[in-house]
Amino acid sequence: MRRRDLVVPSLSAAVALSLVLVGISPVQEDELRAPDGRPALAGRGNAQELGRVLVRPRTAEEKELVGGLFGLEAAVELRLALAARKLRERGCMGFVEDPATETLTDQIARFDELASRTATELAVGDERARYLGVCLLDPAFGVRRAALSGVDRELLEVRAGLAIVRASQAGFVLLDQGEAVVIARRVDQSAALLRTLISDMDLLDASDFAGEPISEEAIDALIAAARTSEVSERERLLSGLLDPPKDMVMRMAGSLSATRLRVALSAELALRSVSLKKAAGRVLELDRLIPGRIPEELVPAEIRKMSKLERHQLALRHATEGLAEDPFSPELTFYAALATAWVGDPVRSRPWFDRYLALRGIRAHDHRTYQGRKLEPDEQTALDEVQHGG
């Protein structure tokens, strides 16, 4: 039997701890600007006021801020497309088969996979090997790859943070001041990194820093070196060919604004990275705790011995602690909703389900966000709960 008289925990206590860990206090938050010196989302009042700024900006500064934040993703996508066009002219986009659907980040991901076994891939000598050789030697690709390091996470932080705060005004999502501070600060940090990245990409696009495209002869030499049978000689030859462009890429990447900003924010980014790993680990534990998520025979015996109430109570604690580490995790948010629905009631779980939908880009009151879209089972469950629950 469910217990409806239990107190359902919120993120408040966990968020309070996270504020201490990253050195943010309400007094400091009032005076903050974004790390790049631009106007910040944080510091504009309480949680409700932050939501109001995003939904109904009043002043010219607020409108400029909100327009800039919501326009960041499109601005980054434009720079990725421009960079891809220039790199395609230099033969550096060979791993992208469909330019209409695949992007520079897809090219970089495939390069990273192949570059982890450079000598083996080059020695094959086929078309893919030659594409790899171009990317290894051409600073035009290497510097842009370095500039774009972590861009997907920064885009996610801005997108998810704005979605949650906005849904607290146009939806059922509940935010207290501590949560709002954390989310606004994370949005400001990632937005600053993206703005400096956009500036860097514009400079790179206007520059001819990489010189002429890589010649076929240079690729031939690289493949020949990779085919050298004696290991130490092969390593010496490859190093002699690859180290100069690698050093150039490191020097140029180090001078980029985004790189310097990431160095300035290294402590905060390292703390975020650790927190994200911890949060991801909690999802695996929650898979086991919530009944029905995985086959019961795969659940450890000590968990199977617990009652459903005990399992949901423990799951709720794990989920809320995890959301203090990664407030933008759809998985943790959905588990918080499921556990709250069991130990609490639909009124208390509805804000969590709505928060999950916001993170998935779905708004229950706007059919355009889900009409014609094949919803995942969890998305359908959350949509039903928000539209018909509570």
Protein backbone atom coordinates (compact mmCIF):
# COMPACT_ATOMS: atom_id res chain seq x y z
CA MET A 1 0.00 0.00 0.00
CA ARG A 2 1.25 3.49 -0.78
CA ARG A 3 1.91 5.96 2.00
CA ARG A 4 0.28 9.31 1.24
CA ASP A 5 1.32 10.95 4.50
CA LEU A 6 5.03 10.83 3.81
CA VAL A 7 7.00 14.02 3.30
CA VAL A 8 8.38 13.98 -0.24
CA PRO A 9 11.88 15.49 -0.35
CA SER A 10 12.74 18.30 -2.71
CA LEU A 11 16.10 19.32 -4.07
CA SER A 12 16.52 22.10 -1.52
CA ALA A 13 18.92 20.39 0.90
CA ALA A 14 21.01 18.85 -1.85
CA VAL A 15 21.14 22.12 -3.77
CA ALA A 16 22.20 23.99 -0.65
CA LEU A 17 25.18 21.66 -0.38
CA SER A 18 26.05 22.12 -4.05
CA LEU A 19 25.99 25.91 -3.61
CA VAL A 20 28.50 25.64 -0.80
CA LEU A 21 30.73 23.34 -2.85
CA VAL A 22 30.93 25.73 -5.80
CA GLY A 23 31.23 28.82 -3.65
CA ILE A 24 27.95 30.52 -4.56
CA SER A 25 25.89 32.37 -1.98
CA PRO A 26 22.70 34.36 -2.50
CA VAL A 27 24.62 37.58 -1.82
CA GLN A 28 27.24 36.76 -4.46
CA GLU A 29 24.58 35.69 -6.93
CA ASP A 30 22.97 39.14 -6.85
CA GLU A 31 26.18 40.71 -8.17
CA LEU A 32 27.08 38.19 -10.88
CA ARG A 33 27.69 38.78 -14.53
CA ALA A 34 28.35 35.96 -16.95
CA PRO A 35 31.99 34.74 -17.04
CA ASP A 36 32.57 36.56 -20.34
CA GLY A 37 31.44 39.84 -18.80
CA ARG A 38 28.08 39.90 -20.53
CA PRO A 39 24.82 40.44 -18.61
CA ALA A 40 23.84 37.32 -16.69
CA LEU A 41 20.56 35.53 -16.17
CA ALA A 42 21.50 34.97 -12.53
CA GLY A 43 20.98 37.87 -10.18
CA ARG A 44 17.63 39.01 -11.60
CA GLY A 45 15.48 38.25 -8.59
CA ASN A 46 13.90 35.15 -7.16
CA ALA A 47 13.01 31.96 -9.02
CA GLN A 48 9.67 33.35 -10.16
CA GLU A 49 11.28 36.52 -11.46
CA LEU A 50 13.86 34.53 -13.43
CA GLY A 51 11.03 32.65 -15.11
CA ARG A 52 9.25 35.92 -15.84
CA VAL A 53 12.37 37.31 -17.53
CA LEU A 54 12.50 34.35 -19.92
CA VAL A 55 8.78 34.30 -20.70
CA ARG A 56 7.91 38.02 -20.55
CA PRO A 57 11.05 40.18 -20.78
CA ARG A 58 10.22 43.83 -20.13
CA THR A 59 13.30 46.00 -20.52
CA ALA A 60 15.51 46.33 -23.58
CA GLU A 61 18.34 44.62 -21.69
CA GLU A 62 16.13 41.70 -20.72
CA LYS A 63 14.90 41.31 -24.30
CA GLU A 64 18.48 41.37 -25.62
CA LEU A 65 19.58 38.85 -22.99
CA VAL A 66 16.70 36.45 -23.65
CA GLY A 67 17.00 36.75 -27.42
CA GLY A 68 20.69 36.01 -27.19
CA LEU A 69 20.25 32.99 -24.95
CA PHE A 70 17.51 31.41 -27.04
CA GLY A 71 19.43 32.21 -30.23
CA LEU A 72 22.70 30.62 -29.18
CA GLU A 73 22.00 27.15 -30.53
CA ALA A 74 21.10 28.43 -33.99
CA ALA A 75 24.16 30.69 -33.97
CA VAL A 76 26.44 27.75 -33.15
CA GLU A 77 24.79 25.58 -35.81
CA LEU A 78 25.42 28.30 -38.39
CA ARG A 79 29.13 28.45 -37.48
CA LEU A 80 29.36 24.66 -37.67
CA ALA A 81 27.85 24.74 -41.17
CA LEU A 82 30.23 27.50 -42.31
CA ALA A 83 33.22 25.65 -40.89
CA ALA A 84 32.10 22.40 -42.54
CA ARG A 85 31.84 24.14 -45.91
CA LYS A 86 35.37 25.50 -45.64
CA LEU A 87 36.77 22.18 -44.42
CA ARG A 88 34.97 20.30 -47.22
CA GLU A 89 36.83 22.48 -49.72
CA ARG A 90 40.06 21.32 -48.06
CA GLY A 91 39.10 17.63 -48.09
CA CYS A 92 38.55 17.52 -44.31
CA MET A 93 34.92 16.34 -44.26
CA GLY A 94 35.36 12.90 -45.77
CA PHE A 95 33.76 11.05 -42.86
CA VAL A 96 30.43 12.84 -43.38
CA GLU A 97 28.43 10.91 -45.97
CA ASP A 98 25.30 13.09 -45.94
CA PRO A 99 26.01 16.83 -45.50
CA ALA A 100 22.27 17.48 -45.23
CA THR A 101 21.95 15.53 -41.98
CA GLU A 102 25.48 15.15 -40.60
CA THR A 103 27.56 17.94 -39.11
CA LEU A 104 31.11 18.85 -38.25
CA THR A 105 30.63 17.31 -34.81
CA ASP A 106 29.84 13.97 -36.53
CA GLN A 107 33.07 14.33 -38.52
CA ILE A 108 35.03 15.02 -35.35
CA ALA A 109 33.51 12.04 -33.53
CA ARG A 110 34.51 9.67 -36.34
CA PHE A 111 37.97 11.21 -36.54
CA ASP A 112 38.47 10.72 -32.80
CA GLU A 113 37.52 7.06 -33.12
CA LEU A 114 39.93 6.42 -35.99
CA ALA A 115 42.74 8.55 -34.57
CA SER A 116 42.84 6.31 -31.49
CA ARG A 117 44.46 3.70 -33.78
CA THR A 118 46.24 6.03 -36.18
CA ALA A 119 48.98 3.74 -37.53
CA THR A 120 46.64 0.80 -38.10
CA GLU A 121 44.06 2.90 -39.96
CA LEU A 122 46.62 4.74 -42.08
CA ALA A 123 48.36 1.53 -43.10
CA VAL A 124 45.20 0.31 -44.85
CA GLY A 125 45.76 3.06 -47.40
CA ASP A 126 42.16 3.23 -48.60
CA GLU A 127 39.96 6.30 -49.05
CA ARG A 128 39.11 6.40 -45.33
CA ALA A 129 42.82 6.29 -44.47
CA ARG A 130 43.48 9.24 -46.76
CA TYR A 131 40.65 11.23 -45.18
CA LEU A 132 42.21 10.48 -41.79
CA GLY A 133 45.59 11.64 -43.04
CA VAL A 134 44.16 14.96 -44.22
CA CYS A 135 42.55 15.59 -40.82
CA LEU A 136 45.74 14.65 -38.98
CA LEU A 137 47.87 17.04 -41.00
CA ASP A 138 45.57 20.00 -41.64
CA PRO A 139 45.57 22.67 -38.89
CA ALA A 140 42.30 24.00 -40.34
CA PHE A 141 40.60 20.88 -39.00
CA GLY A 142 42.73 20.46 -35.87
CA VAL A 143 42.18 23.97 -34.51
CA ARG A 144 38.44 23.84 -35.11
CA ARG A 145 38.27 20.41 -33.47
CA ALA A 146 40.03 21.84 -30.41
CA ALA A 147 37.75 24.89 -30.36
CA LEU A 148 34.64 22.70 -30.42
CA SER A 149 35.69 20.52 -27.50
CA GLY A 150 32.72 20.13 -25.16
CA VAL A 151 30.32 22.14 -27.34
CA ASP A 152 27.54 19.54 -27.13
CA ARG A 153 27.51 19.69 -23.33
CA GLU A 154 27.43 23.48 -23.28
CA LEU A 155 24.52 23.52 -25.73
CA LEU A 156 22.68 20.99 -23.57
CA GLU A 157 23.25 23.05 -20.41
CA VAL A 158 21.79 26.19 -21.99
CA ARG A 159 18.90 24.38 -23.69
CA ALA A 160 17.93 22.37 -20.62
CA GLY A 161 18.37 25.21 -18.14
CA LEU A 162 16.21 27.58 -20.16
CA ALA A 163 13.58 24.87 -20.64
CA ILE A 164 13.27 24.19 -16.92
CA VAL A 165 13.10 27.83 -15.85
CA ARG A 166 10.65 28.66 -18.62
CA ALA A 167 8.45 25.69 -17.68
CA SER A 168 8.24 27.01 -14.13
CA GLN A 169 6.26 29.92 -15.58
CA ALA A 170 4.39 28.16 -18.38
CA GLY A 171 3.82 24.77 -16.81
CA PHE A 172 3.82 22.87 -13.53
CA VAL A 173 7.56 22.80 -12.80
CA LEU A 174 8.44 23.96 -9.28
CA LEU A 175 11.73 25.73 -8.55
CA ASP A 176 12.92 27.12 -5.25
CA GLN A 177 15.52 29.85 -5.04
CA GLY A 178 18.45 27.48 -4.52
CA GLU A 179 17.63 25.44 -7.61
CA ALA A 180 17.06 28.60 -9.66
CA VAL A 181 20.48 29.97 -8.65
CA VAL A 182 22.26 26.77 -9.67
CA ILE A 183 20.44 26.52 -13.00
CA ALA A 184 20.89 30.20 -13.87
CA ARG A 185 24.60 30.09 -13.05
CA ARG A 186 25.08 26.98 -15.19
CA VAL A 187 23.24 28.62 -18.08
CA ASP A 188 25.41 31.73 -17.75
CA GLN A 189 28.60 29.69 -17.68
CA SER A 190 27.75 27.62 -20.74
CA ALA A 191 26.36 30.62 -22.62
CA ALA A 192 29.61 32.49 -22.04
CA LEU A 193 31.61 29.56 -23.41
CA LEU A 194 29.36 29.36 -26.46
CA ARG A 195 29.57 33.07 -27.14
CA THR A 196 33.37 32.97 -27.06
CA LEU A 197 33.29 29.90 -29.30
CA ILE A 198 31.15 31.78 -31.83
CA SER A 199 33.66 34.64 -31.81
CA ASP A 200 36.54 32.20 -32.31
CA MET A 201 34.79 30.41 -35.16
CA ASP A 202 34.16 33.73 -36.90
CA LEU A 203 37.83 34.65 -36.61
CA LEU A 204 38.93 31.26 -37.92
CA ASP A 205 36.50 31.48 -40.82
CA ALA A 206 37.90 34.88 -41.82
CA SER A 207 41.52 33.73 -41.50
CA ASP A 208 43.79 31.82 -43.86
CA PHE A 209 45.96 30.58 -41.01
CA ALA A 210 46.25 26.99 -42.30
CA GLY A 211 47.74 27.82 -45.69
CA GLU A 212 47.31 25.55 -48.69
CA PRO A 213 45.29 22.30 -48.47
CA ILE A 214 47.21 19.12 -47.68
CA SER A 215 48.83 17.62 -50.77
CA GLU A 216 48.41 14.06 -52.01
CA GLU A 217 52.15 13.60 -51.63
CA ALA A 218 51.95 14.44 -47.91
CA ILE A 219 49.25 11.81 -47.45
CA ASP A 220 51.31 9.26 -49.39
CA ALA A 221 54.27 9.89 -47.09
CA LEU A 222 52.09 9.45 -44.02
CA ILE A 223 50.69 6.13 -45.27
CA ALA A 224 54.16 4.91 -46.19
CA ALA A 225 55.38 5.72 -42.68
CA ALA A 226 52.44 3.84 -41.16
CA ARG A 227 53.33 0.78 -43.26
CA THR A 228 56.90 0.62 -41.96
CA SER A 229 57.30 -2.82 -40.43
CA GLU A 230 59.81 -2.02 -37.69
CA VAL A 231 57.88 -0.52 -34.73
CA SER A 232 60.41 2.02 -33.46
CA GLU A 233 61.14 3.26 -36.97
CA ARG A 234 57.43 3.53 -37.75
CA GLU A 235 56.85 5.57 -34.60
CA ARG A 236 59.83 7.83 -35.43
CA LEU A 237 58.60 8.49 -38.96
CA LEU A 238 55.01 9.15 -37.90
CA SER A 239 56.15 11.44 -35.11
CA GLY A 240 58.27 13.44 -37.52
CA LEU A 241 55.30 13.95 -39.82
CA LEU A 242 52.56 14.48 -37.23
CA ASP A 243 54.26 16.42 -34.44
CA PRO A 244 54.74 19.74 -36.34
CA PRO A 245 51.05 20.17 -37.28
CA LYS A 246 50.05 18.95 -33.81
CA ASP A 247 52.27 21.58 -32.18
CA MET A 248 50.81 24.27 -34.42
CA VAL A 249 47.28 23.24 -33.51
CA MET A 250 48.11 23.34 -29.79
CA ARG A 251 49.62 26.84 -30.06
CA MET A 252 46.75 28.24 -32.06
CA ALA A 253 44.06 26.56 -29.98
CA GLY A 254 45.69 27.92 -26.83
CA SER A 255 45.25 31.47 -28.11
CA LEU A 256 41.50 31.11 -28.69
CA SER A 257 39.15 33.03 -26.41
CA ALA A 258 37.10 29.94 -25.59
CA THR A 259 40.22 28.01 -24.61
CA ARG A 260 41.36 30.80 -22.30
CA LEU A 261 37.89 31.02 -20.76
CA ARG A 262 37.81 27.26 -20.18
CA VAL A 263 41.16 27.57 -18.40
CA ALA A 264 39.74 30.35 -16.21
CA LEU A 265 36.74 28.16 -15.43
CA SER A 266 38.75 24.95 -15.05
CA ALA A 267 37.87 24.45 -11.37
CA GLU A 268 34.14 24.84 -11.98
CA LEU A 269 34.23 22.66 -15.09
CA ALA A 270 36.18 19.94 -13.29
CA LEU A 271 33.65 19.95 -10.45
CA ARG A 272 30.83 19.73 -12.98
CA SER A 273 32.49 16.80 -14.73
CA VAL A 274 32.81 14.88 -11.48
CA SER A 275 29.19 15.62 -10.59
CA LEU A 276 27.95 14.47 -13.99
CA LYS A 277 29.77 11.15 -13.60
CA LYS A 278 28.26 10.64 -10.15
CA ALA A 279 24.80 11.44 -11.46
CA ALA A 280 25.18 9.02 -14.36
CA GLY A 281 26.13 6.30 -11.91
CA ARG A 282 22.93 6.89 -9.97
CA VAL A 283 20.82 6.14 -13.05
CA LEU A 284 22.13 2.57 -13.09
CA GLU A 285 21.20 2.15 -9.44
CA LEU A 286 17.75 3.58 -10.06
CA ASP A 287 17.21 1.11 -12.89
CA ARG A 288 17.46 -1.58 -10.22
CA LEU A 289 15.45 0.18 -7.53
CA ILE A 290 12.32 1.10 -9.48
CA PRO A 291 10.31 -2.11 -10.03
CA GLY A 292 9.67 -3.01 -13.65
CA ARG A 293 12.48 -1.00 -15.23
CA ILE A 294 14.71 -4.04 -15.81
CA PRO A 295 13.96 -7.77 -15.51
CA GLU A 296 13.62 -8.59 -11.83
CA GLU A 297 16.11 -11.45 -12.08
CA LEU A 298 18.79 -8.85 -12.87
CA VAL A 299 18.04 -6.94 -9.66
CA PRO A 300 20.40 -7.72 -6.75
CA ALA A 301 18.93 -9.93 -4.05
CA GLU A 302 19.26 -7.27 -1.34
CA ILE A 303 17.02 -4.95 -3.36
CA ARG A 304 14.47 -7.66 -4.17
CA LYS A 305 14.07 -8.24 -0.44
CA MET A 306 12.89 -4.65 0.06
CA SER A 307 9.23 -3.70 -0.10
CA LYS A 308 8.03 -1.58 -3.02
CA LEU A 309 7.61 1.34 -0.66
CA GLU A 310 11.19 1.01 0.57
CA ARG A 311 12.50 0.74 -2.96
CA HIS A 312 10.65 3.86 -4.08
CA GLN A 313 11.72 5.81 -0.99
CA LEU A 314 15.38 4.94 -1.61
CA ALA A 315 14.94 5.70 -5.31
CA LEU A 316 13.53 9.14 -4.52
CA ARG A 317 16.52 9.94 -2.34
CA HIS A 318 18.96 8.81 -5.05
CA ALA A 319 17.10 10.75 -7.73
CA THR A 320 16.95 14.04 -5.83
CA GLU A 321 20.61 13.77 -4.79
CA GLY A 322 21.50 13.01 -8.39
CA LEU A 323 19.57 16.01 -9.66
CA ALA A 324 21.65 18.24 -7.41
CA GLU A 325 24.66 16.88 -9.33
CA ASP A 326 23.03 17.04 -12.77
CA PRO A 327 19.80 19.06 -12.76
CA PHE A 328 19.44 18.48 -16.50
CA SER A 329 19.26 14.68 -16.49
CA PRO A 330 15.96 13.49 -18.03
CA GLU A 331 16.51 10.01 -16.60
CA LEU A 332 16.95 11.19 -13.02
CA THR A 333 13.99 13.55 -13.40
CA PHE A 334 11.74 10.76 -14.62
CA TYR A 335 12.79 8.50 -11.75
CA ALA A 336 12.09 11.32 -9.29
CA ALA A 337 8.61 11.56 -10.82
CA LEU A 338 7.94 7.82 -10.64
CA ALA A 339 9.16 7.55 -7.05
CA THR A 340 7.20 10.62 -5.95
CA ALA A 341 4.04 9.23 -7.55
CA TRP A 342 4.45 6.09 -5.43
CA VAL A 343 5.38 7.56 -2.04
CA GLY A 344 3.46 10.79 -2.50
CA ASP A 345 0.59 11.51 -4.87
CA PRO A 346 -0.09 12.85 -8.38
CA VAL A 347 -0.13 16.45 -7.20
CA ARG A 348 3.45 16.12 -5.97
CA SER A 349 4.69 14.05 -8.92
CA ARG A 350 3.16 16.23 -11.63
CA PRO A 351 5.89 18.93 -11.42
CA TRP A 352 8.56 16.24 -11.88
CA PHE A 353 6.79 14.72 -14.89
CA ASP A 354 6.42 18.19 -16.41
CA ARG A 355 10.10 18.91 -15.79
CA TYR A 356 10.97 15.68 -17.59
CA LEU A 357 8.81 16.72 -20.54
CA ALA A 358 10.49 20.14 -20.64
CA LEU A 359 13.90 18.45 -20.84
CA ARG A 360 12.60 16.34 -23.73
CA GLY A 361 11.30 19.40 -25.58
CA ILE A 362 7.65 18.52 -24.97
CA ARG A 363 5.06 20.86 -23.50
CA ALA A 364 1.76 19.29 -22.48
CA HIS A 365 -0.20 22.46 -23.31
CA ASP A 366 1.33 22.81 -26.79
CA HIS A 367 0.43 19.97 -29.14
CA ARG A 368 2.93 21.27 -31.70
CA THR A 369 5.76 19.96 -29.53
CA TYR A 370 4.59 16.36 -29.74
CA GLN A 371 2.08 16.07 -32.59
CA GLY A 372 3.41 13.71 -35.24
CA ARG A 373 6.27 12.67 -32.99
CA LYS A 374 6.62 9.03 -31.97
CA LEU A 375 6.81 9.34 -28.20
CA GLU A 376 8.99 7.08 -26.13
CA PRO A 377 7.09 5.08 -23.47
CA ASP A 378 8.42 7.34 -20.68
CA GLU A 379 7.45 10.44 -22.63
CA GLN A 380 3.92 9.13 -23.13
CA THR A 381 3.63 8.25 -19.44
CA ALA A 382 4.79 11.73 -18.41
CA LEU A 383 2.47 13.44 -20.89
CA ASP A 384 -0.52 11.45 -19.60
CA GLU A 385 0.36 12.29 -15.99
CA VAL A 386 0.69 16.00 -16.68
CA GLN A 387 -2.44 16.27 -18.82
CA HIS A 388 -4.68 14.10 -16.66
CA GLY A 389 -2.98 13.78 -13.27
CA GLY A 390 -3.10 15.94 -10.14
